[in-house]
C-alpha atoms as a PDB file:
ATOM      1  CA  MET A   1      42.223 -21.505  -7.528  1.00  0.00           C
ATOM      2  CA  THR A   2      41.341 -24.591  -9.568  1.00  0.00           C
ATOM      3  CA  LYS A   3      38.087 -24.885 -11.481  1.00  0.00           C
ATOM      4  CA  LEU A   4      37.000 -27.714  -9.168  1.00  0.00           C
ATOM      5  CA  ALA A   5      37.578 -25.634  -6.019  1.00  0.00           C
ATOM      6  CA  LEU A   6      35.744 -22.698  -7.557  1.00  0.00           C
ATOM      7  CA  ALA A   7      32.781 -24.920  -8.455  1.00  0.00           C
ATOM      8  CA  ILE A   8      32.635 -26.285  -4.902  1.00  0.00           C
ATOM      9  CA  LEU A   9      32.633 -22.762  -3.447  1.00  0.00           C
ATOM     10  CA  CYS A  10      29.887 -21.660  -5.817  1.00  0.00           C
ATOM     11  CA  CYS A  11      27.748 -24.672  -4.905  1.00  0.00           C
ATOM     12  CA  ALA A  12      28.304 -24.048  -1.199  1.00  0.00           C
ATOM     13  CA  ALA A  13      27.316 -20.382  -1.555  1.00  0.00           C
ATOM     14  CA  SER A  14      24.215 -21.336  -3.499  1.00  0.00           C
ATOM     15  CA  PHE A  15      23.226 -23.873  -0.848  1.00  0.00           C
ATOM     16  CA  ALA A  16      23.759 -21.361   1.968  1.00  0.00           C
ATOM     17  CA  GLN A  17      21.426 -18.880   0.291  1.00  0.00           C
ATOM     18  CA  GLN A  18      18.554 -21.344  -0.001  1.00  0.00           C
ATOM     19  CA  PRO A  19      15.727 -20.234   2.335  1.00  0.00           C
ATOM     20  CA  GLN A  20      14.817 -22.644   5.093  1.00  0.00           C
ATOM     21  CA  PRO A  21      11.272 -24.030   5.081  1.00  0.00           C
ATOM     22  CA  ALA A  22       8.884 -22.291   7.458  1.00  0.00           C
ATOM     23  CA  LEU A  23       8.605 -23.846  10.906  1.00  0.00           C
ATOM     24  CA  LYS A  24       5.130 -25.291  11.434  1.00  0.00           C
ATOM     25  CA  PRO A  25       3.290 -27.193  14.179  1.00  0.00           C
ATOM     26  CA  GLY A  26       3.994 -30.885  13.835  1.00  0.00           C
ATOM     27  CA  ASN A  27       7.609 -30.348  12.738  1.00  0.00           C
ATOM     28  CA  PRO A  28      10.421 -31.790  14.846  1.00  0.00           C
ATOM     29  CA  ALA A  29      11.871 -28.940  16.881  1.00  0.00           C
ATOM     30  CA  PRO A  30      15.268 -27.733  15.616  1.00  0.00           C
ATOM     31  CA  PRO A  31      18.230 -27.869  18.006  1.00  0.00           C
ATOM     32  CA  ILE A  32      18.381 -25.288  20.786  1.00  0.00           C
ATOM     33  CA  VAL A  33      21.874 -23.808  21.042  1.00  0.00           C
ATOM     34  CA  VAL A  34      22.874 -20.926  23.323  1.00  0.00           C
ATOM     35  CA  GLU A  35      26.291 -19.521  24.079  1.00  0.00           C
ATOM     36  CA  GLN A  36      25.400 -18.373  27.584  1.00  0.00           C
ATOM     37  CA  LEU A  37      22.572 -18.755  30.098  1.00  0.00           C
ATOM     38  CA  LEU A  38      21.505 -16.008  32.493  1.00  0.00           C
ATOM     39  CA  GLN A  39      19.378 -16.518  35.609  1.00  0.00           C
ATOM     40  CA  ALA A  40      19.759 -20.304  35.404  1.00  0.00           C
ATOM     41  CA  PRO A  41      21.100 -22.600  38.163  1.00  0.00           C
ATOM     42  CA  VAL A  42      24.861 -23.009  38.259  1.00  0.00           C
ATOM     43  CA  GLY A  43      25.944 -25.662  35.784  1.00  0.00           C
ATOM     44  CA  ALA A  44      22.583 -25.672  33.976  1.00  0.00           C
ATOM     45  CA  HIS A  45      22.425 -26.504  30.265  1.00  0.00           C
ATOM     46  CA  ILE A  46      19.686 -26.055  27.711  1.00  0.00           C
ATOM     47  CA  SER A  47      19.136 -28.280  24.691  1.00  0.00           C
ATOM     48  CA  LEU A  48      16.335 -30.431  23.330  1.00  0.00           C
ATOM     49  CA  GLU A  49      17.769 -33.355  25.274  1.00  0.00           C
ATOM     50  CA  ASP A  50      17.816 -31.318  28.497  1.00  0.00           C
ATOM     51  CA  VAL A  51      14.127 -30.410  28.200  1.00  0.00           C
ATOM     52  CA  LYS A  52      12.906 -33.825  27.041  1.00  0.00           C
ATOM     53  CA  GLY A  53       9.683 -34.649  28.870  1.00  0.00           C
ATOM     54  CA  LYS A  54       8.878 -30.970  29.424  1.00  0.00           C
ATOM     55  CA  VAL A  55       6.846 -28.429  27.508  1.00  0.00           C
ATOM     56  CA  THR A  56       9.264 -25.747  26.359  1.00  0.00           C
ATOM     57  CA  VAL A  57       8.317 -22.149  25.597  1.00  0.00           C
ATOM     58  CA  LEU A  58      10.896 -20.322  23.498  1.00  0.00           C
ATOM     59  CA  GLU A  59      10.470 -16.561  23.397  1.00  0.00           C
ATOM     60  CA  PHE A  60      12.616 -14.787  20.799  1.00  0.00           C
ATOM     61  CA  TRP A  61      12.946 -11.160  21.854  1.00  0.00           C
ATOM     62  CA  GLY A  62      15.160  -8.074  21.893  1.00  0.00           C
ATOM     63  CA  THR A  63      15.711  -5.171  24.283  1.00  0.00           C
ATOM     64  CA  TRP A  64      14.964  -2.759  21.403  1.00  0.00           C
ATOM     65  CA  CYS A  65      11.668  -4.460  20.471  1.00  0.00           C
ATOM     66  CA  GLY A  66       8.635  -2.559  21.806  1.00  0.00           C
ATOM     67  CA  PRO A  67       6.126  -5.459  21.612  1.00  0.00           C
ATOM     68  CA  CYS A  68       8.725  -7.735  23.253  1.00  0.00           C
ATOM     69  CA  VAL A  69       9.103  -5.371  26.206  1.00  0.00           C
ATOM     70  CA  GLU A  70       5.341  -4.930  26.438  1.00  0.00           C
ATOM     71  CA  ALA A  71       4.887  -8.716  26.721  1.00  0.00           C
ATOM     72  CA  ILE A  72       7.355  -9.177  29.609  1.00  0.00           C
ATOM     73  CA  PRO A  73       4.824  -8.850  32.493  1.00  0.00           C
ATOM     74  CA  HIS A  74       2.501 -11.365  30.805  1.00  0.00           C
ATOM     75  CA  LEU A  75       5.311 -13.866  30.265  1.00  0.00           C
ATOM     76  CA  ASN A  76       6.605 -13.341  33.809  1.00  0.00           C
ATOM     77  CA  SER A  77       3.152 -14.157  35.152  1.00  0.00           C
ATOM     78  CA  LEU A  78       2.990 -17.383  33.142  1.00  0.00           C
ATOM     79  CA  THR A  79       6.503 -18.385  34.193  1.00  0.00           C
ATOM     80  CA  THR A  80       5.552 -17.967  37.838  1.00  0.00           C
ATOM     81  CA  GLU A  81       2.243 -19.815  37.399  1.00  0.00           C
ATOM     82  CA  TYR A  82       3.916 -22.889  35.855  1.00  0.00           C
ATOM     83  CA  ARG A  83       6.977 -22.865  38.094  1.00  0.00           C
ATOM     84  CA  ASP A  84       6.075 -26.218  39.698  1.00  0.00           C
ATOM     85  CA  LYS A  85       4.974 -27.911  36.468  1.00  0.00           C
ATOM     86  CA  PRO A  86       7.061 -29.529  33.714  1.00  0.00           C
ATOM     87  CA  VAL A  87       7.264 -26.333  31.664  1.00  0.00           C
ATOM     88  CA  GLN A  88      10.536 -24.628  30.731  1.00  0.00           C
ATOM     89  CA  PHE A  89      10.476 -20.971  29.699  1.00  0.00           C
ATOM     90  CA  LEU A  90      13.498 -19.685  27.809  1.00  0.00           C
ATOM     91  CA  SER A  91      13.835 -16.112  26.528  1.00  0.00           C
ATOM     92  CA  LEU A  92      16.320 -15.974  23.647  1.00  0.00           C
ATOM     93  CA  THR A  93      18.157 -12.883  22.443  1.00  0.00           C
ATOM     94  CA  ASP A  94      21.082 -12.316  20.086  1.00  0.00           C
ATOM     95  CA  GLU A  95      22.371  -9.267  21.972  1.00  0.00           C
ATOM     96  CA  GLU A  96      25.534  -8.759  24.015  1.00  0.00           C
ATOM     97  CA  PRO A  97      25.560  -9.861  27.690  1.00  0.00           C
ATOM     98  CA  TRP A  98      26.256  -6.348  29.020  1.00  0.00           C
ATOM     99  CA  ARG A  99      23.308  -4.901  27.122  1.00  0.00           C
ATOM    100  CA  VAL A 100      20.920  -7.607  28.328  1.00  0.00           C
ATOM    101  CA  GLU A 101      22.133  -7.406  31.933  1.00  0.00           C
ATOM    102  CA  SER A 102      21.692  -3.624  31.943  1.00  0.00           C
ATOM    103  CA  PHE A 103      18.193  -4.009  30.536  1.00  0.00           C
ATOM    104  CA  LEU A 104      17.229  -6.604  33.171  1.00  0.00           C
ATOM    105  CA  LYS A 105      18.005  -4.141  35.958  1.00  0.00           C
ATOM    106  CA  LEU A 106      15.167  -1.973  34.647  1.00  0.00           C
ATOM    107  CA  ARG A 107      12.880  -4.671  33.209  1.00  0.00           C
ATOM    108  CA  PRO A 108      13.306  -7.951  35.111  1.00  0.00           C
ATOM    109  CA  ILE A 109      12.438 -11.163  33.282  1.00  0.00           C
ATOM    110  CA  THR A 110      11.415 -14.213  35.285  1.00  0.00           C
ATOM    111  CA  GLY A 111      13.050 -17.426  34.141  1.00  0.00           C
ATOM    112  CA  TRP A 112      16.043 -18.366  32.069  1.00  0.00           C
ATOM    113  CA  ILE A 113      17.542 -16.153  29.406  1.00  0.00           C
ATOM    114  CA  GLY A 114      19.619 -17.612  26.600  1.00  0.00           C
ATOM    115  CA  LEU A 115      22.178 -15.546  24.696  1.00  0.00           C
ATOM    116  CA  ASN A 116      22.608 -16.556  21.059  1.00  0.00           C
ATOM    117  CA  PRO A 117      24.825 -13.893  19.437  1.00  0.00           C
ATOM    118  CA  ASN A 118      25.712 -16.123  16.496  1.00  0.00           C
ATOM    119  CA  ARG A 119      21.961 -16.514  15.811  1.00  0.00           C
ATOM    120  CA  THR A 120      22.069 -20.234  15.083  1.00  0.00           C
ATOM    121  CA  THR A 121      18.891 -20.880  17.059  1.00  0.00           C
ATOM    122  CA  PHE A 122      17.224 -17.741  15.690  1.00  0.00           C
ATOM    123  CA  GLU A 123      17.848 -18.937  12.150  1.00  0.00           C
ATOM    124  CA  ALA A 124      16.841 -22.536  12.870  1.00  0.00           C
ATOM    125  CA  TYR A 125      13.487 -21.326  14.229  1.00  0.00           C
ATOM    126  CA  GLY A 126      12.958 -18.665  11.560  1.00  0.00           C
ATOM    127  CA  ALA A 127      12.938 -15.844  14.110  1.00  0.00           C
ATOM    128  CA  LYS A 128      13.295 -12.968  11.661  1.00  0.00           C
ATOM    129  CA  ALA A 129      10.544 -10.742  13.071  1.00  0.00           C
ATOM    130  CA  LEU A 130      10.246 -10.263  16.832  1.00  0.00           C
ATOM    131  CA  PRO A 131       8.639 -11.190  19.104  1.00  0.00           C
ATOM    132  CA  ARG A 132       8.234 -14.840  18.134  1.00  0.00           C
ATOM    133  CA  THR A 133       6.975 -17.591  20.438  1.00  0.00           C
ATOM    134  CA  VAL A 134       7.512 -21.287  19.770  1.00  0.00           C
ATOM    135  CA  VAL A 135       5.977 -23.938  22.025  1.00  0.00           C
ATOM    136  CA  ILE A 136       7.524 -27.414  21.941  1.00  0.00           C
ATOM    137  CA  ASP A 137       5.785 -30.447  23.424  1.00  0.00           C
ATOM    138  CA  ALA A 138       7.329 -33.059  25.707  1.00  0.00           C
ATOM    139  CA  ASN A 139       8.310 -35.202  22.721  1.00  0.00           C
ATOM    140  CA  GLY A 140      10.316 -32.446  21.011  1.00  0.00           C
ATOM    141  CA  VAL A 141       7.642 -31.603  18.439  1.00  0.00           C
ATOM    142  CA  VAL A 142       6.595 -28.036  17.616  1.00  0.00           C
ATOM    143  CA  ALA A 143       3.098 -27.479  19.029  1.00  0.00           C
ATOM    144  CA  ALA A 144       2.596 -23.794  18.213  1.00  0.00           C
ATOM    145  CA  VAL A 145       4.368 -20.948  16.439  1.00  0.00           C
ATOM    146  CA  THR A 146       2.847 -17.616  17.377  1.00  0.00           C
ATOM    147  CA  GLY A 147       3.466 -14.465  19.421  1.00  0.00           C
ATOM    148  CA  PRO A 148       3.424 -13.791  23.172  1.00  0.00           C
ATOM    149  CA  GLN A 149      -0.018 -12.169  22.950  1.00  0.00           C
ATOM    150  CA  SER A 150      -1.501 -15.602  22.082  1.00  0.00           C
ATOM    151  CA  LEU A 151       0.379 -17.557  24.744  1.00  0.00           C
ATOM    152  CA  ASN A 152      -1.993 -18.305  27.596  1.00  0.00           C
ATOM    153  CA  GLU A 153      -2.896 -20.946  30.178  1.00  0.00           C
ATOM    154  CA  LYS A 154      -5.205 -22.836  27.822  1.00  0.00           C
ATOM    155  CA  LEU A 155      -2.510 -23.194  25.156  1.00  0.00           C
ATOM    156  CA  ILE A 156       0.070 -24.424  27.664  1.00  0.00           C
ATOM    157  CA  ASP A 157      -2.421 -26.753  29.372  1.00  0.00           C
ATOM    158  CA  ASP A 158      -3.423 -28.221  26.002  1.00  0.00           C
ATOM    159  CA  VAL A 159       0.208 -28.963  25.148  1.00  0.00           C
ATOM    160  CA  LEU A 160       0.792 -30.455  28.601  1.00  0.00           C
ATOM    161  CA  ALA A 161      -2.222 -32.730  28.119  1.00  0.00           C
ATOM    162  CA  GLY A 162      -1.209 -33.696  24.580  1.00  0.00           C
ATOM    163  CA  ARG A 163      -4.238 -31.994  23.062  1.00  0.00           C
ATOM    164  CA  PRO A 164      -4.048 -30.190  19.698  1.00  0.00           C
ATOM    165  CA  VAL A 165      -3.562 -26.440  19.942  1.00  0.00           C
ATOM    166  CA  SER A 166      -6.137 -24.136  18.379  1.00  0.00           C
ATOM    167  CA  LEU A 167      -5.027 -20.545  17.833  1.00  0.00           C
ATOM    168  CA  PRO A 168      -7.237 -17.609  16.827  1.00  0.00           C
ATOM    169  CA  ARG A 169      -7.018 -16.758  13.163  1.00  0.00           C
ATOM    170  CA  GLY A 170      -4.214 -14.293  12.448  1.00  0.00           C
ATOM    171  CA  THR A 171      -2.058 -15.347  15.422  1.00  0.00           C
ATOM    172  CA  GLN A 172      -0.404 -18.380  13.827  1.00  0.00           C
ATOM    173  CA  SER A 173       2.947 -17.738  12.165  1.00  0.00           C
ATOM    174  CA  ASN A 174       2.769 -17.274   8.408  1.00  0.00           C
ATOM    175  CA  ALA A 175       5.095 -18.721   5.803  1.00  0.00           C
ATOM    176  CA  ALA A 176       7.423 -15.729   6.013  1.00  0.00           C
ATOM    177  CA  GLY A 177       8.030 -16.395   9.694  1.00  0.00           C
ATOM    178  CA  ASP A 178       6.088 -13.373  10.927  1.00  0.00           C
ATOM    179  CA  THR A 179       3.103 -13.270  13.203  1.00  0.00           C
ATOM    180  CA  ALA A 180       0.152 -10.989  12.857  1.00  0.00           C
ATOM    181  CA  ALA A 181       0.207  -8.856  16.000  1.00  0.00           C
ATOM    182  CA  PRO A 182      -2.522  -6.341  16.862  1.00  0.00           C
ATOM    183  CA  PRO A 183      -1.651  -2.744  15.929  1.00  0.00           C
ATOM    184  CA  LEU A 184      -0.122  -0.644  18.689  1.00  0.00           C
ATOM    185  CA  PHE A 185      -1.725   2.605  17.492  1.00  0.00           C
ATOM    186  CA  GLU A 186      -4.694   3.674  15.394  1.00  0.00           C
ATOM    187  CA  MET A 187      -4.915   7.128  13.858  1.00  0.00           C
ATOM    188  CA  LEU A 188      -8.044   8.826  12.539  1.00  0.00           C
ATOM    189  CA  VAL A 189      -7.534  11.875  10.338  1.00  0.00           C
ATOM    190  CA  ARG A 190     -10.518  14.170   9.729  1.00  0.00           C
ATOM    191  CA  PRO A 191     -11.220  17.926   9.519  1.00  0.00           C
ATOM    192  CA  ALA A 192     -11.589  19.642  12.874  1.00  0.00           C
ATOM    193  CA  ASN A 193     -14.547  21.609  11.456  1.00  0.00           C
ATOM    194  CA  PRO A 194     -16.237  19.831   8.513  1.00  0.00           C
ATOM    195  CA  ASP A 195     -18.382  22.889   7.653  1.00  0.00           C
ATOM    196  CA  GLY A 196     -15.373  25.149   7.641  1.00  0.00           C
ATOM    197  CA  SER A 197     -13.527  22.662   5.447  1.00  0.00           C
ATOM    198  CA  ALA A 198     -16.397  22.672   2.951  1.00  0.00           C
ATOM    199  CA  ARG A 199     -16.431  26.471   2.842  1.00  0.00           C
ATOM    200  CA  MET A 200     -12.679  26.486   2.304  1.00  0.00           C
ATOM    201  CA  SER A 201     -13.057  24.116  -0.634  1.00  0.00           C
ATOM    202  CA  SER A 202     -15.785  26.342  -2.108  1.00  0.00           C
ATOM    203  CA  ASN A 203     -13.613  29.425  -1.720  1.00  0.00           C
ATOM    204  CA  LEU A 204     -10.681  27.674  -3.350  1.00  0.00           C
ATOM    205  CA  ARG A 205     -12.817  26.698  -6.347  1.00  0.00           C
ATOM    206  CA  SER A 206     -13.979  30.352  -6.705  1.00  0.00           C
ATOM    207  CA  GLU A 207     -10.365  31.541  -6.642  1.00  0.00           C
ATOM    208  CA  GLU A 208      -9.454  28.908  -9.232  1.00  0.00           C
ATOM    209  CA  ARG A 209     -12.190  30.167 -11.565  1.00  0.00           C
ATOM    210  CA  ARG A 210     -10.907  33.756 -11.216  1.00  0.00           C
ATOM    211  CA  VAL A 211      -7.359  32.715 -11.965  1.00  0.00           C
ATOM    212  CA  GLY A 212      -8.505  30.597 -14.942  1.00  0.00           C
END
């Protein structure tokens, strides 16, 4: 290999490792690329050009992701509510078709499902942590980057009307591409019998003095 070819490869590798800037509201939406669509009309396609003039809700999810599965009924309800309005819901996963189809038999998802096994769209939208919800306005501009727990009628209606979106603090995506989701569990650890615990501590100190 010549020195020139080696230098080109090194530069290309360095460029590929550069982190992409965080996706923020107001940014032009990156391209939407899927290898396969499930539950879409025959011959349907999905791209930014295809959804031009519509509000688009991209939901990045996985069958293995607990919060993603928990959010399915909520997202199904919204999909049904906006069925007759210019809103396109698209659930994106990078998993194999057979795995997704098996999952859908147990946990149906209303609306289109895009398969993106090569993760081009995941990477373009910074979907490293799941779930991740990106709302795109009718002009192809990112209106919100959040999680499914913050997606509601007001947010969608605001984007439809061209109004700015206001999200509660802690629900907007941070620079690392993650969203702050509420904890699933809280655990409180305390003695079952505080008095007994105090006596045990006193007894232990007495035994320590004898040993010393």
